[in-house]
C-alpha atoms as a PDB file:
ATOM      1  CA  UNK A   1     167.854 100.596 -88.503  1.00  0.00           C
ATOM      2  CA  UNK A   2     165.711  99.001 -86.119  1.00  0.00           C
ATOM      3  CA  UNK A   3     163.560  95.843 -87.177  1.00  0.00           C
ATOM      4  CA  UNK A   4     160.524  95.280 -85.898  1.00  0.00           C
ATOM      5  CA  UNK A   5     158.519  91.434 -85.560  1.00  0.00           C
ATOM      6  CA  UNK A   6     154.852  91.064 -84.744  1.00  0.00           C
ATOM      7  CA  UNK A   7     154.336  87.175 -83.383  1.00  0.00           C
ATOM      8  CA  UNK A   8     156.996  85.166 -81.991  1.00  0.00           C
ATOM      9  CA  UNK A   9     154.362  82.037 -81.973  1.00  0.00           C
ATOM     10  CA  UNK A  10     156.147  78.579 -83.385  1.00  0.00           C
ATOM     11  CA  UNK A  11     158.068  80.404 -86.596  1.00  0.00           C
ATOM     12  CA  UNK A  12     158.304  83.968 -85.279  1.00  0.00           C
ATOM     13  CA  UNK A  13     160.216  82.938 -82.236  1.00  0.00           C
ATOM     14  CA  UNK A  14     162.857  81.090 -84.131  1.00  0.00           C
ATOM     15  CA  UNK A  15     162.641  83.916 -86.838  1.00  0.00           C
ATOM     16  CA  UNK A  16     163.609  86.313 -83.824  1.00  0.00           C
ATOM     17  CA  UNK A  17     165.943  84.455 -82.995  1.00  0.00           C
ATOM     18  CA  UNK A  18     167.610  83.870 -86.864  1.00  0.00           C
ATOM     19  CA  UNK A  19     167.372  88.024 -87.036  1.00  0.00           C
ATOM     20  CA  UNK A  20     169.220  88.585 -83.461  1.00  0.00           C
ATOM     21  CA  UNK A  21     172.004  86.272 -84.389  1.00  0.00           C
ATOM     22  CA  UNK A  22     172.806  88.236 -87.386  1.00  0.00           C
ATOM     23  CA  UNK A  23     173.114  91.475 -85.201  1.00  0.00           C
ATOM     24  CA  UNK A  24     169.392  93.052 -86.066  1.00  0.00           C
ATOM     25  CA  UNK A  25     168.626  95.978 -83.287  1.00  0.00           C
ATOM     26  CA  UNK A  26     164.741  94.017 -82.540  1.00  0.00           C
ATOM     27  CA  UNK A  27     161.469  95.418 -81.425  1.00  0.00           C
ATOM     28  CA  UNK A  28     158.997  92.852 -81.120  1.00  0.00           C
ATOM     29  CA  UNK A  29     155.442  91.861 -79.908  1.00  0.00           C
ATOM     30  CA  UNK A  30     152.956  88.855 -79.222  1.00  0.00           C
ATOM     31  CA  UNK A  31     149.822  88.390 -77.762  1.00  0.00           C
ATOM     32  CA  UNK A  32     151.794  86.296 -74.745  1.00  0.00           C
ATOM     33  CA  UNK A  33     153.866  88.726 -73.150  1.00  0.00           C
ATOM     34  CA  UNK A  34     155.772  85.864 -71.467  1.00  0.00           C
ATOM     35  CA  UNK A  35     157.020  84.803 -75.339  1.00  0.00           C
ATOM     36  CA  UNK A  36     159.491  87.789 -75.833  1.00  0.00           C
ATOM     37  CA  UNK A  37     161.451  86.992 -72.277  1.00  0.00           C
ATOM     38  CA  UNK A  38     163.926  85.535 -73.916  1.00  0.00           C
ATOM     39  CA  UNK A  39     164.611  87.798 -76.759  1.00  0.00           C
ATOM     40  CA  UNK A  40     164.308  90.700 -74.488  1.00  0.00           C
ATOM     41  CA  UNK A  41     166.792  88.751 -72.692  1.00  0.00           C
ATOM     42  CA  UNK A  42     169.339  89.108 -75.310  1.00  0.00           C
ATOM     43  CA  UNK A  43     168.227  92.774 -75.805  1.00  0.00           C
ATOM     44  CA  UNK A  44     165.629  92.939 -77.878  1.00  0.00           C
ATOM     45  CA  UNK A  45     163.093  95.312 -77.094  1.00  0.00           C
ATOM     46  CA  UNK A  46     159.402  94.709 -76.124  1.00  0.00           C
ATOM     47  CA  UNK A  47     156.497  96.608 -77.195  1.00  0.00           C
ATOM     48  CA  UNK A  48     152.801  96.393 -75.801  1.00  0.00           C
ATOM     49  CA  UNK A  49     150.995  96.714 -79.005  1.00  0.00           C
ATOM     50  CA  UNK A  50     151.931  96.014 -83.043  1.00  0.00           C
ATOM     51  CA  UNK A  51     151.338  99.782 -83.655  1.00  0.00           C
ATOM     52  CA  UNK A  52     154.141 100.617 -81.056  1.00  0.00           C
ATOM     53  CA  UNK A  53     157.022  98.196 -82.877  1.00  0.00           C
ATOM     54  CA  UNK A  54     156.121  99.753 -85.706  1.00  0.00           C
ATOM     55  CA  UNK A  55     156.513 103.464 -83.965  1.00  0.00           C
ATOM     56  CA  UNK A  56     159.902 102.745 -83.231  1.00  0.00           C
ATOM     57  CA  UNK A  57     161.143 100.575 -86.566  1.00  0.00           C
ATOM     58  CA  UNK A  58     161.233 101.313 -90.211  1.00  0.00           C
ATOM     59  CA  UNK A  59     160.607  98.020 -91.513  1.00  0.00           C
ATOM     60  CA  UNK A  60     157.774  95.834 -89.877  1.00  0.00           C
ATOM     61  CA  UNK A  61     157.665  91.780 -90.513  1.00  0.00           C
ATOM     62  CA  UNK A  62     154.408  89.762 -89.276  1.00  0.00           C
ATOM     63  CA  UNK A  63     154.269  86.142 -88.553  1.00  0.00           C
ATOM     64  CA  UNK A  64     151.013  85.169 -87.823  1.00  0.00           C
ATOM     65  CA  UNK A  65     148.546  82.401 -87.913  1.00  0.00           C
ATOM     66  CA  UNK A  66     145.381  83.216 -89.574  1.00  0.00           C
ATOM     67  CA  UNK A  67     143.824  86.485 -91.735  1.00  0.00           C
ATOM     68  CA  UNK A  68     142.254  87.840 -89.190  1.00  0.00           C
ATOM     69  CA  UNK A  69     144.656  87.706 -86.891  1.00  0.00           C
ATOM     70  CA  UNK A  70     146.639  89.336 -89.516  1.00  0.00           C
ATOM     71  CA  UNK A  71     144.197  92.209 -90.463  1.00  0.00           C
ATOM     72  CA  UNK A  72     144.431  93.294 -86.962  1.00  0.00           C
ATOM     73  CA  UNK A  73     147.918  93.490 -86.217  1.00  0.00           C
ATOM     74  CA  UNK A  74     148.730  95.514 -89.614  1.00  0.00           C
ATOM     75  CA  UNK A  75     145.536  97.168 -90.294  1.00  0.00           C
ATOM     76  CA  UNK A  76     143.767  97.677 -86.745  1.00  0.00           C
ATOM     77  CA  UNK A  77     143.515 100.771 -84.468  1.00  0.00           C
ATOM     78  CA  UNK A  78     146.818  99.537 -82.882  1.00  0.00           C
ATOM     79  CA  UNK A  79     147.678  98.069 -85.836  1.00  0.00           C
ATOM     80  CA  UNK A  80     151.520  98.550 -87.798  1.00  0.00           C
ATOM     81  CA  UNK A  81     150.126 100.909 -90.592  1.00  0.00           C
ATOM     82  CA  UNK A  82     149.192 103.004 -87.342  1.00  0.00           C
ATOM     83  CA  UNK A  83     152.518 103.220 -86.744  1.00  0.00           C
ATOM     84  CA  UNK A  84     155.015 106.680 -86.997  1.00  0.00           C
ATOM     85  CA  UNK A  85     158.220 105.181 -88.007  1.00  0.00           C
ATOM     86  CA  UNK A  86     157.227 102.331 -89.942  1.00  0.00           C
ATOM     87  CA  UNK A  87     158.195 102.771 -93.858  1.00  0.00           C
ATOM     88  CA  UNK A  88     157.734  98.777 -95.072  1.00  0.00           C
ATOM     89  CA  UNK A  89     155.779  96.112 -93.934  1.00  0.00           C
ATOM     90  CA  UNK A  90     156.369  92.744 -94.816  1.00  0.00           C
ATOM     91  CA  UNK A  91     154.017  89.853 -94.164  1.00  0.00           C
ATOM     92  CA  UNK A  92     155.434  86.508 -93.799  1.00  0.00           C
ATOM     93  CA  UNK A  93     152.264  84.903 -92.224  1.00  0.00           C
ATOM     94  CA  UNK A  94     149.977  82.951 -95.107  1.00  0.00           C
ATOM     95  CA  UNK A  95     146.442  84.294 -95.908  1.00  0.00           C
ATOM     96  CA  UNK A  96     145.413  84.581 -98.969  1.00  0.00           C
ATOM     97  CA  UNK A  97     145.782  86.629-101.370  1.00  0.00           C
ATOM     98  CA  UNK A  98     142.919  89.053-101.199  1.00  0.00           C
ATOM     99  CA  UNK A  99     143.525  89.450 -97.660  1.00  0.00           C
ATOM    100  CA  UNK A 100     146.885  90.263 -98.921  1.00  0.00           C
ATOM    101  CA  UNK A 101     145.912  92.935-102.077  1.00  0.00           C
ATOM    102  CA  UNK A 102     143.778  94.203 -98.800  1.00  0.00           C
ATOM    103  CA  UNK A 103     146.874  95.309 -96.764  1.00  0.00           C
ATOM    104  CA  UNK A 104     149.003  96.116 -99.637  1.00  0.00           C
ATOM    105  CA  UNK A 105     146.406  99.021-100.879  1.00  0.00           C
ATOM    106  CA  UNK A 106     146.110 100.509 -97.529  1.00  0.00           C
ATOM    107  CA  UNK A 107     149.826 100.301 -96.715  1.00  0.00           C
ATOM    108  CA  UNK A 108     150.003 102.634-100.241  1.00  0.00           C
ATOM    109  CA  UNK A 109     147.034 104.713 -99.235  1.00  0.00           C
ATOM    110  CA  UNK A 110     149.541 105.745 -96.102  1.00  0.00           C
ATOM    111  CA  UNK A 111     152.546 106.118 -98.455  1.00  0.00           C
ATOM    112  CA  UNK A 112     154.024 102.818 -97.305  1.00  0.00           C
ATOM    113  CA  UNK A 113     155.682 100.033 -98.766  1.00  0.00           C
ATOM    114  CA  UNK A 114     154.180  96.912 -98.695  1.00  0.00           C
ATOM    115  CA  UNK A 115     155.631  93.015 -99.422  1.00  0.00           C
ATOM    116  CA  UNK A 116     153.388  89.876 -99.710  1.00  0.00           C
ATOM    117  CA  UNK A 117     156.016  87.371 -98.224  1.00  0.00           C
ATOM    118  CA  UNK A 118     154.472  83.843 -97.452  1.00  0.00           C
ATOM    119  CA  UNK A 119     157.649  81.144 -96.389  1.00  0.00           C
ATOM    120  CA  UNK A 120     157.709  77.474 -96.605  1.00  0.00           C
ATOM    121  CA  UNK A 121     159.921  75.206 -94.712  1.00  0.00           C
ATOM    122  CA  UNK A 122     158.700  74.785 -91.449  1.00  0.00           C
ATOM    123  CA  UNK A 123     159.488  75.239 -87.897  1.00  0.00           C
ATOM    124  CA  UNK A 124     163.382  73.801 -88.354  1.00  0.00           C
ATOM    125  CA  UNK A 125     163.579  75.777 -91.514  1.00  0.00           C
ATOM    126  CA  UNK A 126     162.674  78.606 -89.875  1.00  0.00           C
ATOM    127  CA  UNK A 127     165.318  77.646 -87.149  1.00  0.00           C
ATOM    128  CA  UNK A 128     168.202  77.076 -89.596  1.00  0.00           C
ATOM    129  CA  UNK A 129     167.035  79.947 -92.028  1.00  0.00           C
ATOM    130  CA  UNK A 130     166.662  77.703 -95.012  1.00  0.00           C
ATOM    131  CA  UNK A 131     162.721  78.940 -95.601  1.00  0.00           C
ATOM    132  CA  UNK A 132     161.887  80.004 -99.168  1.00  0.00           C
ATOM    133  CA  UNK A 133     160.120  83.411 -98.797  1.00  0.00           C
ATOM    134  CA  UNK A 134     158.056  83.959-102.136  1.00  0.00           C
ATOM    135  CA  UNK A 135     157.275  87.562-102.417  1.00  0.00           C
ATOM    136  CA  UNK A 136     155.230  90.307-104.473  1.00  0.00           C
ATOM    137  CA  UNK A 137     154.615  93.598-104.137  1.00  0.00           C
ATOM    138  CA  UNK A 138     157.545  96.431-103.729  1.00  0.00           C
ATOM    139  CA  UNK A 139     159.777  95.418-105.780  1.00  0.00           C
ATOM    140  CA  UNK A 140     162.098  98.184-104.347  1.00  0.00           C
ATOM    141  CA  UNK A 141     161.484  97.352-100.641  1.00  0.00           C
ATOM    142  CA  UNK A 142     162.376  93.279-101.440  1.00  0.00           C
ATOM    143  CA  UNK A 143     165.316  94.863-102.682  1.00  0.00           C
ATOM    144  CA  UNK A 144     166.153  97.136-100.143  1.00  0.00           C
ATOM    145  CA  UNK A 145     165.258  94.527 -97.555  1.00  0.00           C
ATOM    146  CA  UNK A 146     167.309  91.708 -98.520  1.00  0.00           C
ATOM    147  CA  UNK A 147     169.540  91.177 -96.110  1.00  0.00           C
ATOM    148  CA  UNK A 148     166.830  91.253 -93.553  1.00  0.00           C
ATOM    149  CA  UNK A 149     164.966  88.143 -95.848  1.00  0.00           C
ATOM    150  CA  UNK A 150     168.496  86.373 -96.105  1.00  0.00           C
ATOM    151  CA  UNK A 151     168.942  85.778 -92.658  1.00  0.00           C
ATOM    152  CA  UNK A 152     165.461  84.088 -92.888  1.00  0.00           C
ATOM    153  CA  UNK A 153     165.209  82.246 -95.914  1.00  0.00           C
ATOM    154  CA  UNK A 154     168.357  80.669 -98.218  1.00  0.00           C
ATOM    155  CA  UNK A 155     165.441  80.500-101.283  1.00  0.00           C
ATOM    156  CA  UNK A 156     163.994  84.382-101.842  1.00  0.00           C
ATOM    157  CA  UNK A 157     161.385  84.074-105.016  1.00  0.00           C
ATOM    158  CA  UNK A 158     160.232  87.473-106.256  1.00  0.00           C
ATOM    159  CA  UNK A 159     156.731  86.442-107.818  1.00  0.00           C
ATOM    160  CA  UNK A 160     156.147  89.827-108.854  1.00  0.00           C
ATOM    161  CA  UNK A 161     154.700  93.681-108.514  1.00  0.00           C
ATOM    162  CA  UNK A 162     151.366  92.281-107.972  1.00  0.00           C
ATOM    163  CA  UNK A 163     150.135  91.835-104.507  1.00  0.00           C
ATOM    164  CA  UNK A 164     148.141  88.496-103.480  1.00  0.00           C
ATOM    165  CA  UNK A 165     150.865  86.387-106.108  1.00  0.00           C
ATOM    166  CA  UNK A 166     152.820  85.384-102.952  1.00  0.00           C
ATOM    167  CA  UNK A 167     149.976  83.845-101.046  1.00  0.00           C
ATOM    168  CA  UNK A 168     148.540  82.451-104.388  1.00  0.00           C
ATOM    169  CA  UNK A 169     152.052  80.717-104.697  1.00  0.00           C
ATOM    170  CA  UNK A 170     151.942  79.918-101.080  1.00  0.00           C
ATOM    171  CA  UNK A 171     148.769  78.256-101.343  1.00  0.00           C
ATOM    172  CA  UNK A 172     149.336  75.799-104.316  1.00  0.00           C
ATOM    173  CA  UNK A 173     152.448  74.880-102.419  1.00  0.00           C
ATOM    174  CA  UNK A 174     150.515  73.780 -99.061  1.00  0.00           C
ATOM    175  CA  UNK A 175     147.912  72.225-101.001  1.00  0.00           C
ATOM    176  CA  UNK A 176     150.531  69.807-103.131  1.00  0.00           C
ATOM    177  CA  UNK A 177     152.268  69.771 -99.145  1.00  0.00           C
ATOM    178  CA  UNK A 178     148.714  68.571 -97.459  1.00  0.00           C
ATOM    179  CA  UNK A 179     148.180  66.240-100.366  1.00  0.00           C
ATOM    180  CA  UNK A 180     151.551  64.814-100.415  1.00  0.00           C
ATOM    181  CA  UNK A 181     151.348  63.986 -97.203  1.00  0.00           C
ATOM    182  CA  UNK A 182     147.883  62.488 -96.900  1.00  0.00           C
ATOM    183  CA  UNK A 183     148.844  59.829 -99.788  1.00  0.00           C
ATOM    184  CA  UNK A 184     152.275  58.189 -98.592  1.00  0.00           C
ATOM    185  CA  UNK A 185     150.275  58.028 -95.336  1.00  0.00           C
ATOM    186  CA  UNK A 186     147.125  56.488 -96.414  1.00  0.00           C
ATOM    187  CA  UNK A 187     150.001  54.129 -98.376  1.00  0.00           C
ATOM    188  CA  UNK A 188     151.785  53.484 -95.186  1.00  0.00           C
ATOM    189  CA  UNK A 189     148.449  52.056 -93.310  1.00  0.00           C
ATOM    190  CA  UNK A 190     148.077  49.881 -96.290  1.00  0.00           C
ATOM    191  CA  UNK A 191     151.277  48.660 -95.955  1.00  0.00           C
ATOM    192  CA  UNK A 192     150.905  48.253 -92.263  1.00  0.00           C
ATOM    193  CA  UNK A 193     148.126  46.341 -93.198  1.00  0.00           C
ATOM    194  CA  UNK A 194     149.393  44.172 -95.331  1.00  0.00           C
ATOM    195  CA  UNK A 195     152.339  43.127 -92.993  1.00  0.00           C
ATOM    196  CA  UNK A 196     154.971  45.572 -94.096  1.00  0.00           C
ATOM    197  CA  UNK A 197     157.863  46.616 -92.032  1.00  0.00           C
ATOM    198  CA  UNK A 198     157.231  50.761 -91.286  1.00  0.00           C
ATOM    199  CA  UNK A 199     161.135  51.527 -91.227  1.00  0.00           C
ATOM    200  CA  UNK A 200     161.287  49.365 -94.061  1.00  0.00           C
ATOM    201  CA  UNK A 201     158.701  51.099 -95.924  1.00  0.00           C
ATOM    202  CA  UNK A 202     160.425  54.830 -95.314  1.00  0.00           C
ATOM    203  CA  UNK A 203     163.540  53.101 -96.294  1.00  0.00           C
ATOM    204  CA  UNK A 204     162.017  52.102 -99.449  1.00  0.00           C
ATOM    205  CA  UNK A 205     160.285  55.656 -99.983  1.00  0.00           C
ATOM    206  CA  UNK A 206     163.549  57.348 -99.775  1.00  0.00           C
ATOM    207  CA  UNK A 207     165.217  55.904-102.604  1.00  0.00           C
ATOM    208  CA  UNK A 208     162.171  55.239-104.987  1.00  0.00           C
ATOM    209  CA  UNK A 209     159.852  57.457-106.817  1.00  0.00           C
ATOM    210  CA  UNK A 210     157.638  58.017-104.166  1.00  0.00           C
ATOM    211  CA  UNK A 211     160.245  60.305-102.076  1.00  0.00           C
ATOM    212  CA  UNK A 212     159.033  63.420-100.784  1.00  0.00           C
ATOM    213  CA  UNK A 213     159.332  66.126 -98.209  1.00  0.00           C
ATOM    214  CA  UNK A 214     157.285  63.918 -95.555  1.00  0.00           C
ATOM    215  CA  UNK A 215     159.216  60.758 -96.236  1.00  0.00           C
ATOM    216  CA  UNK A 216     162.736  62.600 -95.826  1.00  0.00           C
ATOM    217  CA  UNK A 217     161.150  64.727 -92.437  1.00  0.00           C
ATOM    218  CA  UNK A 218     157.930  64.222 -90.480  1.00  0.00           C
ATOM    219  CA  UNK A 219     157.223  60.404 -90.764  1.00  0.00           C
ATOM    220  CA  UNK A 220     160.699  59.233 -90.192  1.00  0.00           C
ATOM    221  CA  UNK A 221     160.940  61.750 -87.000  1.00  0.00           C
ATOM    222  CA  UNK A 222     157.339  62.019 -85.946  1.00  0.00           C
ATOM    223  CA  UNK A 223     155.320  59.853 -86.950  1.00  0.00           C
ATOM    224  CA  UNK A 224     157.306  56.220 -87.196  1.00  0.00           C
ATOM    225  CA  UNK A 225     158.511  57.023 -83.405  1.00  0.00           C
ATOM    226  CA  UNK A 226     154.876  58.323 -82.497  1.00  0.00           C
ATOM    227  CA  UNK A 227     155.972  61.563 -81.025  1.00  0.00           C
ATOM    228  CA  UNK A 228     153.766  63.689 -83.611  1.00  0.00           C
ATOM    229  CA  UNK A 229     155.405  66.660 -82.620  1.00  0.00           C
ATOM    230  CA  UNK A 230     156.603  68.251 -86.131  1.00  0.00           C
ATOM    231  CA  UNK A 231     155.080  71.546 -85.103  1.00  0.00           C
ATOM    232  CA  UNK A 232     152.915  72.730 -87.338  1.00  0.00           C
ATOM    233  CA  UNK A 233     149.057  72.471 -86.517  1.00  0.00           C
ATOM    234  CA  UNK A 234     146.407  70.471 -87.870  1.00  0.00           C
ATOM    235  CA  UNK A 235     143.711  73.133 -88.494  1.00  0.00           C
ATOM    236  CA  UNK A 236     146.703  75.836 -89.656  1.00  0.00           C
ATOM    237  CA  UNK A 237     147.147  73.517 -92.521  1.00  0.00           C
ATOM    238  CA  UNK A 238     143.183  72.935 -93.344  1.00  0.00           C
ATOM    239  CA  UNK A 239     142.980  77.010 -93.142  1.00  0.00           C
ATOM    240  CA  UNK A 240     145.627  76.743 -95.711  1.00  0.00           C
ATOM    241  CA  UNK A 241     143.951  74.107 -97.888  1.00  0.00           C
ATOM    242  CA  UNK A 242     140.889  75.857 -98.038  1.00  0.00           C
ATOM    243  CA  UNK A 243     142.335  78.918 -99.265  1.00  0.00           C
ATOM    244  CA  UNK A 244     143.624  77.342-102.509  1.00  0.00           C
ATOM    245  CA  UNK A 245     140.184  75.997-102.911  1.00  0.00           C
ATOM    246  CA  UNK A 246     138.587  78.766-102.400  1.00  0.00           C
ATOM    247  CA  UNK A 247     140.978  80.609-104.837  1.00  0.00           C
ATOM    248  CA  UNK A 248     139.809  77.469-107.728  1.00  0.00           C
ATOM    249  CA  UNK A 249     136.287  78.169-107.262  1.00  0.00           C
ATOM    250  CA  UNK A 250     136.708  82.189-107.913  1.00  0.00           C
ATOM    251  CA  UNK A 251     138.862  80.954-111.073  1.00  0.00           C
ATOM    252  CA  UNK A 252     136.754  78.427-111.613  1.00  0.00           C
ATOM    253  CA  UNK A 253     139.551  75.453-111.624  1.00  0.00           C
ATOM    254  CA  UNK A 254     137.946  71.920-110.820  1.00  0.00           C
ATOM    255  CA  UNK A 255     140.515  70.408-107.942  1.00  0.00           C
ATOM    256  CA  UNK A 256     138.756  66.940-107.015  1.00  0.00           C
ATOM    257  CA  UNK A 257     141.693  65.449-105.122  1.00  0.00           C
ATOM    258  CA  UNK A 258     142.339  68.317-103.638  1.00  0.00           C
ATOM    259  CA  UNK A 259     138.879  68.358-102.451  1.00  0.00           C
ATOM    260  CA  UNK A 260     138.914  64.830-101.326  1.00  0.00           C
ATOM    261  CA  UNK A 261     142.370  65.818 -99.541  1.00  0.00           C
ATOM    262  CA  UNK A 262     140.042  68.697 -97.598  1.00  0.00           C
ATOM    263  CA  UNK A 263     137.967  66.134 -96.180  1.00  0.00           C
ATOM    264  CA  UNK A 264     140.168  63.726 -94.816  1.00  0.00           C
ATOM    265  CA  UNK A 265     141.850  66.948 -92.910  1.00  0.00           C
ATOM    266  CA  UNK A 266     138.791  68.150 -91.601  1.00  0.00           C
ATOM    267  CA  UNK A 267     137.899  64.219 -89.983  1.00  0.00           C
ATOM    268  CA  UNK A 268     141.690  64.481 -88.231  1.00  0.00           C
ATOM    269  CA  UNK A 269     140.535  67.864 -87.051  1.00  0.00           C
ATOM    270  CA  UNK A 270     137.397  66.334 -85.603  1.00  0.00           C
ATOM    271  CA  UNK A 271     139.137  63.638 -84.042  1.00  0.00           C
ATOM    272  CA  UNK A 272     142.186  65.274 -82.953  1.00  0.00           C
ATOM    273  CA  UNK A 273     141.020  68.994 -82.964  1.00  0.00           C
ATOM    274  CA  UNK A 274     142.534  72.074 -83.997  1.00  0.00           C
ATOM    275  CA  UNK A 275     145.703  72.112 -82.591  1.00  0.00           C
ATOM    276  CA  UNK A 276     146.784  68.754 -83.084  1.00  0.00           C
ATOM    277  CA  UNK A 277     150.082  68.313 -84.661  1.00  0.00           C
ATOM    278  CA  UNK A 278     149.925  67.790 -88.765  1.00  0.00           C
ATOM    279  CA  UNK A 279     151.155  64.254 -88.335  1.00  0.00           C
ATOM    280  CA  UNK A 280     147.857  63.740 -86.205  1.00  0.00           C
ATOM    281  CA  UNK A 281     146.592  63.067 -90.092  1.00  0.00           C
ATOM    282  CA  UNK A 282     147.770  59.500 -89.726  1.00  0.00           C
ATOM    283  CA  UNK A 283     144.664  59.120 -87.197  1.00  0.00           C
ATOM    284  CA  UNK A 284     141.826  58.498 -88.707  1.00  0.00           C
ATOM    285  CA  UNK A 285     143.424  56.185 -91.543  1.00  0.00           C
ATOM    286  CA  UNK A 286     145.190  53.828 -88.626  1.00  0.00           C
ATOM    287  CA  UNK A 287     141.450  53.355 -87.038  1.00  0.00           C
ATOM    288  CA  UNK A 288     139.765  52.869 -90.475  1.00  0.00           C
ATOM    289  CA  UNK A 289     141.959  50.465 -91.446  1.00  0.00           C
ATOM    290  CA  UNK A 290     142.864  49.129 -88.023  1.00  0.00           C
ATOM    291  CA  UNK A 291     146.630  48.705 -88.555  1.00  0.00           C
ATOM    292  CA  UNK A 292     149.064  51.136 -86.761  1.00  0.00           C
ATOM    293  CA  UNK A 293     152.356  52.515 -88.745  1.00  0.00           C
ATOM    294  CA  UNK A 294     155.184  52.678 -85.707  1.00  0.00           C
ATOM    295  CA  UNK A 295     158.425  51.743 -86.005  1.00  0.00           C
ATOM    296  CA  UNK A 296     159.640  48.862 -84.520  1.00  0.00           C
ATOM    297  CA  UNK A 297     162.646  49.944 -83.173  1.00  0.00           C
ATOM    298  CA  UNK A 298     160.587  53.077 -80.854  1.00  0.00           C
ATOM    299  CA  UNK A 299     161.384  53.256 -77.238  1.00  0.00           C
END
């Protein structure tokens, strides 16, 4: 069976490598033809459109950055649902519940199966195959393609048959992730201003109740050395925060601390740009405080 993949960016390129390593025959599309070259060199087939991928592959995965990009790639005239071979579409992007429901309805109308299956774990998780995949929609598709998903993730969670439930869980997760990063960076900037050593602060946080995903990974790797190269864009996290708060508004659930977090991400995007690394969130905090959080051992 040929597996299709639309989108070989930061996450998709690592997923493509995982799928090829697992022995899957792969057909790929990306708006940047040069991004396909390393995979074609390994035997994958390059396609000129998402529709062409779906003309070759029975199952098509997509990993794209924004809801409008996913909608065009799946629902558009040259999209996945216009293909002749596709039977199942699995979207691994973060697009929000409404968009996932729209895709599911369009797929079912064409007699196809759809899985709303966003992922968490970042570029390292995608590279190592340790992503958490939170899926909803067709249970039959989830069970049938478990081996495919297991090439990408070590935690597969089926959240239920209602389309959009995977997206709901993902935006909740990313809201917690965004908030935890903001709080951790705020605290470390305060500590630096008070004269604490950055490496010592991180060491204490790592063995204390303040430990979190960011102290375990990106702060030590990407903030303290001053490289700011974790691999996830500020603008994409701001998009995810917005999706969560839109859901909160829709359901009438107040999220005051999350609103404050959105404000910080908006300020960071204004200063550094949407494509800046997420670790650049520290920039406005450091400027406001007049303090810098860096390792004394850098360089």
